[in-house]
Amino acid sequence: MTDDRTKPEIDAPTGPAPEDLVIRDLIVGDGAEAKAGDTVTVHYAGVEYESGEEFDSSWNRGESIQFPLRGLIQGWQDGIPGMKVGGRRELVIPPHLAYGPAGGHFLGGKTLIFVIDLIKVG
């Protein structure tokens, strides 16, 4: 898969933030499947659940990013395995699986929404 897909629009959610990780496939891929501990190449966009404000996006930087899953927040470590290359997945990640309680990281205490395109595994 190439990384030429366009940046997703993430709609502001309604209702209370979930207390557990929510995984929703927007597009099911047909390539290699990501497994726990793999290194993945992705495009992603992240917004805060409460405000709908974007806090980060690889699309805004104009290039995909590669990293080992084990070095990421728990919500990504739990939410990406099982995803296949070519897929687009939405993760809604509560604070305890993201950046912890308020006061540490600037995203601490916040529920986060990521839309992730899996470009490559390994």
N, C-alpha and C. Protein backbone atom coordinates (compact mmCIF):
# COMPACT_ATOMS: atom_id res chain seq x y z
N MET A 1 0.84 -1.19 0.00
CA MET A 1 0.00 0.00 0.00
C MET A 1 0.88 1.25 0.00
N THR A 2 0.44 2.24 -0.70
CA THR A 2 1.13 3.52 -0.65
C THR A 2 0.47 4.34 0.44
N ASP A 3 1.12 5.43 0.78
CA ASP A 3 0.54 6.28 1.82
C ASP A 3 -0.09 7.52 1.19
N ASP A 4 -0.82 7.31 0.09
CA ASP A 4 -1.43 8.42 -0.63
C ASP A 4 -2.89 8.67 -0.25
N ARG A 5 -3.40 7.92 0.68
CA ARG A 5 -4.77 8.13 1.13
C ARG A 5 -4.87 9.50 1.78
N THR A 6 -6.02 10.11 1.70
CA THR A 6 -6.16 11.45 2.25
C THR A 6 -6.41 11.40 3.76
N LYS A 7 -6.09 12.49 4.38
CA LYS A 7 -6.28 12.62 5.83
C LYS A 7 -7.76 12.44 6.17
N PRO A 8 -8.05 11.69 7.22
CA PRO A 8 -9.45 11.47 7.59
C PRO A 8 -10.05 12.69 8.28
N GLU A 9 -11.34 12.81 8.16
CA GLU A 9 -12.09 13.78 8.95
C GLU A 9 -12.60 13.03 10.17
N ILE A 10 -12.34 13.55 11.34
CA ILE A 10 -12.79 12.89 12.56
C ILE A 10 -13.93 13.72 13.12
N ASP A 11 -15.11 13.12 13.12
CA ASP A 11 -16.29 13.82 13.62
C ASP A 11 -16.24 13.93 15.14
N ALA A 12 -16.69 15.06 15.66
CA ALA A 12 -16.77 15.23 17.11
C ALA A 12 -17.77 14.22 17.67
N PRO A 13 -17.35 13.47 18.67
CA PRO A 13 -18.26 12.46 19.24
C PRO A 13 -19.34 13.09 20.09
N THR A 14 -20.37 12.31 20.34
CA THR A 14 -21.43 12.74 21.23
C THR A 14 -21.52 11.74 22.37
N GLY A 15 -22.03 12.18 23.48
CA GLY A 15 -22.17 11.29 24.62
C GLY A 15 -20.89 11.22 25.43
N PRO A 16 -20.96 10.51 26.54
CA PRO A 16 -19.80 10.42 27.43
C PRO A 16 -18.68 9.59 26.80
N ALA A 17 -17.47 9.90 27.20
CA ALA A 17 -16.31 9.15 26.72
C ALA A 17 -16.35 7.73 27.26
N PRO A 18 -15.96 6.75 26.45
CA PRO A 18 -15.94 5.36 26.92
C PRO A 18 -14.86 5.16 27.98
N GLU A 19 -15.07 4.20 28.85
CA GLU A 19 -14.08 3.89 29.89
C GLU A 19 -13.09 2.82 29.44
N ASP A 20 -13.41 2.13 28.35
CA ASP A 20 -12.54 1.09 27.82
C ASP A 20 -12.16 1.43 26.39
N LEU A 21 -11.10 0.80 25.91
CA LEU A 21 -10.64 0.98 24.54
C LEU A 21 -11.74 0.58 23.55
N VAL A 22 -11.99 1.43 22.56
CA VAL A 22 -12.95 1.13 21.50
C VAL A 22 -12.17 1.03 20.20
N ILE A 23 -12.32 -0.10 19.50
CA ILE A 23 -11.63 -0.35 18.24
C ILE A 23 -12.69 -0.49 17.15
N ARG A 24 -12.56 0.32 16.10
CA ARG A 24 -13.54 0.25 15.01
C ARG A 24 -12.79 0.32 13.69
N ASP A 25 -12.95 -0.72 12.87
CA ASP A 25 -12.34 -0.72 11.54
C ASP A 25 -13.20 0.11 10.60
N LEU A 26 -12.59 1.14 10.01
CA LEU A 26 -13.28 1.98 9.04
C LEU A 26 -13.09 1.41 7.64
N ILE A 27 -11.90 0.86 7.40
CA ILE A 27 -11.57 0.15 6.16
C ILE A 27 -10.78 -1.08 6.58
N VAL A 28 -11.20 -2.25 6.16
CA VAL A 28 -10.47 -3.48 6.48
C VAL A 28 -9.41 -3.71 5.42
N GLY A 29 -8.17 -3.84 5.86
CA GLY A 29 -7.07 -4.06 4.93
C GLY A 29 -7.00 -5.51 4.48
N ASP A 30 -6.16 -5.76 3.48
CA ASP A 30 -6.01 -7.13 2.98
C ASP A 30 -4.55 -7.55 2.91
N GLY A 31 -3.68 -6.79 3.58
CA GLY A 31 -2.26 -7.10 3.58
C GLY A 31 -1.84 -7.84 4.83
N ALA A 32 -0.55 -7.73 5.15
CA ALA A 32 0.02 -8.39 6.32
C ALA A 32 -0.66 -7.88 7.59
N GLU A 33 -0.80 -8.78 8.56
CA GLU A 33 -1.47 -8.44 9.81
C GLU A 33 -0.45 -8.02 10.86
N ALA A 34 -0.73 -6.91 11.54
CA ALA A 34 0.14 -6.44 12.62
C ALA A 34 -0.04 -7.33 13.84
N LYS A 35 1.09 -7.62 14.49
CA LYS A 35 1.07 -8.41 15.71
C LYS A 35 1.73 -7.61 16.83
N ALA A 36 1.43 -7.95 18.05
CA ALA A 36 2.02 -7.27 19.20
C ALA A 36 3.54 -7.27 19.07
N GLY A 37 4.15 -6.13 19.31
CA GLY A 37 5.60 -6.03 19.24
C GLY A 37 6.17 -5.73 17.87
N ASP A 38 5.33 -5.75 16.81
CA ASP A 38 5.80 -5.43 15.47
C ASP A 38 6.21 -3.97 15.37
N THR A 39 7.02 -3.69 14.36
CA THR A 39 7.28 -2.31 13.96
C THR A 39 6.31 -2.00 12.83
N VAL A 40 5.63 -0.88 12.94
CA VAL A 40 4.61 -0.53 11.96
C VAL A 40 4.90 0.83 11.35
N THR A 41 4.46 1.00 10.10
CA THR A 41 4.50 2.29 9.43
C THR A 41 3.06 2.72 9.25
N VAL A 42 2.75 3.92 9.74
CA VAL A 42 1.36 4.39 9.75
C VAL A 42 1.28 5.85 9.36
N HIS A 43 0.08 6.23 8.97
CA HIS A 43 -0.35 7.62 8.98
C HIS A 43 -1.42 7.69 10.05
N TYR A 44 -1.48 8.80 10.76
CA TYR A 44 -2.48 8.89 11.82
C TYR A 44 -2.87 10.34 12.07
N ALA A 45 -4.04 10.49 12.64
CA ALA A 45 -4.51 11.78 13.14
C ALA A 45 -5.11 11.53 14.51
N GLY A 46 -4.88 12.46 15.43
CA GLY A 46 -5.41 12.32 16.78
C GLY A 46 -6.15 13.57 17.20
N VAL A 47 -7.31 13.36 17.84
CA VAL A 47 -8.09 14.48 18.37
C VAL A 47 -8.48 14.17 19.81
N GLU A 48 -8.73 15.23 20.57
CA GLU A 48 -9.25 15.07 21.92
C GLU A 48 -10.74 14.75 21.84
N TYR A 49 -11.18 13.79 22.64
CA TYR A 49 -12.59 13.37 22.62
C TYR A 49 -13.51 14.53 23.01
N GLU A 50 -13.19 15.20 24.09
CA GLU A 50 -14.09 16.24 24.63
C GLU A 50 -14.25 17.42 23.68
N SER A 51 -13.14 17.91 23.15
CA SER A 51 -13.18 19.14 22.35
C SER A 51 -13.25 18.89 20.86
N GLY A 52 -12.82 17.71 20.42
CA GLY A 52 -12.72 17.44 18.99
C GLY A 52 -11.55 18.14 18.34
N GLU A 53 -10.69 18.76 19.17
CA GLU A 53 -9.52 19.48 18.65
C GLU A 53 -8.41 18.51 18.29
N GLU A 54 -7.85 18.68 17.10
CA GLU A 54 -6.71 17.86 16.69
C GLU A 54 -5.47 18.27 17.46
N PHE A 55 -4.73 17.27 17.97
CA PHE A 55 -3.47 17.57 18.67
C PHE A 55 -2.26 17.06 17.91
N ASP A 56 -2.46 16.16 16.94
CA ASP A 56 -1.32 15.64 16.19
C ASP A 56 -1.82 14.98 14.92
N SER A 57 -1.00 15.02 13.87
CA SER A 57 -1.35 14.35 12.63
C SER A 57 -0.10 14.18 11.77
N SER A 58 0.17 12.93 11.38
CA SER A 58 1.30 12.70 10.48
C SER A 58 1.02 13.31 9.11
N TRP A 59 -0.26 13.38 8.73
CA TRP A 59 -0.59 13.98 7.43
C TRP A 59 -0.14 15.44 7.38
N ASN A 60 -0.26 16.14 8.50
CA ASN A 60 0.16 17.54 8.52
C ASN A 60 1.66 17.69 8.32
N ARG A 61 2.41 16.66 8.66
CA ARG A 61 3.86 16.70 8.45
C ARG A 61 4.24 16.19 7.07
N GLY A 62 3.27 15.63 6.35
CA GLY A 62 3.51 15.21 4.97
C GLY A 62 4.23 13.90 4.82
N GLU A 63 4.37 13.13 5.90
CA GLU A 63 5.01 11.82 5.76
C GLU A 63 4.52 10.87 6.84
N SER A 64 4.52 9.60 6.47
CA SER A 64 4.14 8.56 7.42
C SER A 64 5.26 8.43 8.46
N ILE A 65 4.96 7.65 9.50
CA ILE A 65 5.93 7.47 10.58
C ILE A 65 6.02 5.98 10.90
N GLN A 66 7.22 5.55 11.26
CA GLN A 66 7.45 4.15 11.59
C GLN A 66 7.92 4.06 13.03
N PHE A 67 7.36 3.10 13.78
CA PHE A 67 7.84 2.88 15.14
C PHE A 67 7.43 1.50 15.65
N PRO A 68 8.17 1.00 16.66
CA PRO A 68 7.80 -0.28 17.27
C PRO A 68 6.59 -0.08 18.18
N LEU A 69 5.63 -0.98 18.09
CA LEU A 69 4.43 -0.86 18.91
C LEU A 69 4.75 -0.83 20.40
N ARG A 70 5.75 -1.59 20.82
CA ARG A 70 6.03 -1.67 22.26
C ARG A 70 6.45 -0.33 22.85
N GLY A 71 6.82 0.63 22.02
CA GLY A 71 7.22 1.94 22.53
C GLY A 71 6.08 2.95 22.59
N LEU A 72 4.87 2.51 22.27
CA LEU A 72 3.74 3.44 22.16
C LEU A 72 2.81 3.33 23.36
N ILE A 73 1.84 4.23 23.42
CA ILE A 73 0.86 4.17 24.50
C ILE A 73 0.11 2.84 24.43
N GLN A 74 -0.40 2.40 25.58
CA GLN A 74 -1.04 1.10 25.67
C GLN A 74 -2.21 0.95 24.71
N GLY A 75 -2.96 2.02 24.49
CA GLY A 75 -4.10 1.95 23.58
C GLY A 75 -3.69 1.56 22.17
N TRP A 76 -2.52 2.01 21.72
CA TRP A 76 -2.00 1.60 20.41
C TRP A 76 -1.50 0.17 20.47
N GLN A 77 -0.81 -0.18 21.56
CA GLN A 77 -0.29 -1.55 21.69
C GLN A 77 -1.43 -2.56 21.67
N ASP A 78 -2.57 -2.19 22.25
CA ASP A 78 -3.74 -3.08 22.29
C ASP A 78 -4.61 -2.96 21.04
N GLY A 79 -4.59 -1.78 20.41
CA GLY A 79 -5.54 -1.51 19.34
C GLY A 79 -5.07 -1.78 17.92
N ILE A 80 -3.76 -1.88 17.71
CA ILE A 80 -3.26 -2.09 16.34
C ILE A 80 -3.11 -3.57 15.99
N PRO A 81 -2.66 -4.44 16.91
CA PRO A 81 -2.57 -5.86 16.53
C PRO A 81 -3.90 -6.38 15.99
N GLY A 82 -3.79 -7.18 14.93
CA GLY A 82 -4.99 -7.69 14.26
C GLY A 82 -5.38 -6.84 13.06
N MET A 83 -4.88 -5.62 13.00
CA MET A 83 -5.14 -4.74 11.87
C MET A 83 -4.28 -5.20 10.69
N LYS A 84 -4.80 -5.08 9.47
CA LYS A 84 -4.06 -5.49 8.28
C LYS A 84 -3.64 -4.29 7.45
N VAL A 85 -2.48 -4.44 6.79
CA VAL A 85 -1.98 -3.39 5.92
C VAL A 85 -3.05 -3.02 4.90
N GLY A 86 -3.22 -1.72 4.71
CA GLY A 86 -4.26 -1.21 3.82
C GLY A 86 -5.50 -0.80 4.59
N GLY A 87 -5.54 -1.13 5.87
CA GLY A 87 -6.70 -0.81 6.69
C GLY A 87 -6.63 0.57 7.31
N ARG A 88 -7.80 1.04 7.71
CA ARG A 88 -7.93 2.29 8.47
C ARG A 88 -8.76 1.95 9.70
N ARG A 89 -8.22 2.27 10.87
CA ARG A 89 -8.88 1.91 12.12
C ARG A 89 -8.99 3.13 13.02
N GLU A 90 -10.12 3.21 13.70
CA GLU A 90 -10.33 4.26 14.69
C GLU A 90 -10.17 3.64 16.07
N LEU A 91 -9.37 4.31 16.91
CA LEU A 91 -9.21 3.91 18.30
C LEU A 91 -9.70 5.04 19.19
N VAL A 92 -10.56 4.73 20.14
CA VAL A 92 -10.96 5.68 21.17
C VAL A 92 -10.32 5.18 22.45
N ILE A 93 -9.39 5.98 22.97
CA ILE A 93 -8.50 5.51 24.04
C ILE A 93 -8.73 6.33 25.31
N PRO A 94 -9.19 5.67 26.38
CA PRO A 94 -9.38 6.38 27.65
C PRO A 94 -8.03 6.73 28.28
N PRO A 95 -8.02 7.68 29.22
CA PRO A 95 -6.76 8.17 29.79
C PRO A 95 -5.84 7.08 30.34
N HIS A 96 -6.40 6.06 31.00
CA HIS A 96 -5.52 5.05 31.62
C HIS A 96 -4.79 4.19 30.59
N LEU A 97 -5.22 4.24 29.32
CA LEU A 97 -4.51 3.54 28.24
C LEU A 97 -3.78 4.52 27.32
N ALA A 98 -3.81 5.80 27.70
CA ALA A 98 -3.16 6.83 26.88
C ALA A 98 -2.02 7.46 27.69
N TYR A 99 -2.23 8.66 28.20
CA TYR A 99 -1.17 9.38 28.89
C TYR A 99 -1.41 9.55 30.38
N GLY A 100 -2.29 8.71 30.93
CA GLY A 100 -2.49 8.71 32.37
C GLY A 100 -3.32 9.87 32.87
N PRO A 101 -3.31 10.09 34.18
CA PRO A 101 -4.14 11.14 34.78
C PRO A 101 -3.65 12.54 34.43
N ALA A 102 -4.52 13.49 34.63
CA ALA A 102 -4.18 14.89 34.37
C ALA A 102 -2.99 15.30 35.22
N GLY A 103 -2.19 16.21 34.68
CA GLY A 103 -1.11 16.77 35.46
C GLY A 103 0.29 16.42 34.96
N GLY A 104 0.44 15.31 34.28
CA GLY A 104 1.76 14.96 33.75
C GLY A 104 1.92 15.46 32.34
N HIS A 105 1.60 14.60 31.39
CA HIS A 105 1.64 14.92 29.96
C HIS A 105 0.52 15.91 29.63
N PHE A 106 0.70 16.73 28.60
CA PHE A 106 -0.34 17.70 28.25
C PHE A 106 -1.64 17.02 27.82
N LEU A 107 -1.57 15.75 27.44
CA LEU A 107 -2.79 15.01 27.10
C LEU A 107 -3.25 14.11 28.25
N GLY A 108 -2.61 14.24 29.41
CA GLY A 108 -3.01 13.46 30.58
C GLY A 108 -4.45 13.76 30.97
N GLY A 109 -5.17 12.73 31.37
CA GLY A 109 -6.55 12.90 31.80
C GLY A 109 -7.55 13.00 30.66
N LYS A 110 -7.07 12.89 29.43
CA LYS A 110 -7.96 13.07 28.27
C LYS A 110 -8.19 11.75 27.55
N THR A 111 -9.43 11.56 27.08
CA THR A 111 -9.75 10.47 26.17
C THR A 111 -9.38 10.95 24.78
N LEU A 112 -8.72 10.09 24.02
CA LEU A 112 -8.19 10.46 22.71
C LEU A 112 -8.80 9.59 21.62
N ILE A 113 -8.97 10.18 20.45
CA ILE A 113 -9.42 9.45 19.27
C ILE A 113 -8.31 9.51 18.24
N PHE A 114 -7.90 8.34 17.76
CA PHE A 114 -6.93 8.27 16.67
C PHE A 114 -7.57 7.56 15.49
N VAL A 115 -7.30 8.05 14.29
CA VAL A 115 -7.60 7.31 13.08
C VAL A 115 -6.24 6.98 12.47
N ILE A 116 -6.03 5.67 12.25
CA ILE A 116 -4.72 5.17 11.86
C ILE A 116 -4.86 4.39 10.55
N ASP A 117 -4.02 4.71 9.59
CA ASP A 117 -3.87 3.93 8.36
C ASP A 117 -2.61 3.09 8.50
N LEU A 118 -2.74 1.78 8.40
CA LEU A 118 -1.58 0.89 8.48
C LEU A 118 -1.00 0.71 7.08
N ILE A 119 0.23 1.19 6.90
CA ILE A 119 0.89 1.19 5.60
C ILE A 119 1.80 -0.02 5.44
N LYS A 120 2.51 -0.38 6.52
CA LYS A 120 3.49 -1.46 6.41
C LYS A 120 3.71 -2.07 7.79
N VAL A 121 3.97 -3.37 7.80
CA VAL A 121 4.36 -4.08 9.02
C VAL A 121 5.77 -4.59 8.82
N GLY A 122 6.64 -4.37 9.81
CA GLY A 122 8.03 -4.84 9.74
C GLY A 122 8.95 -3.86 9.10
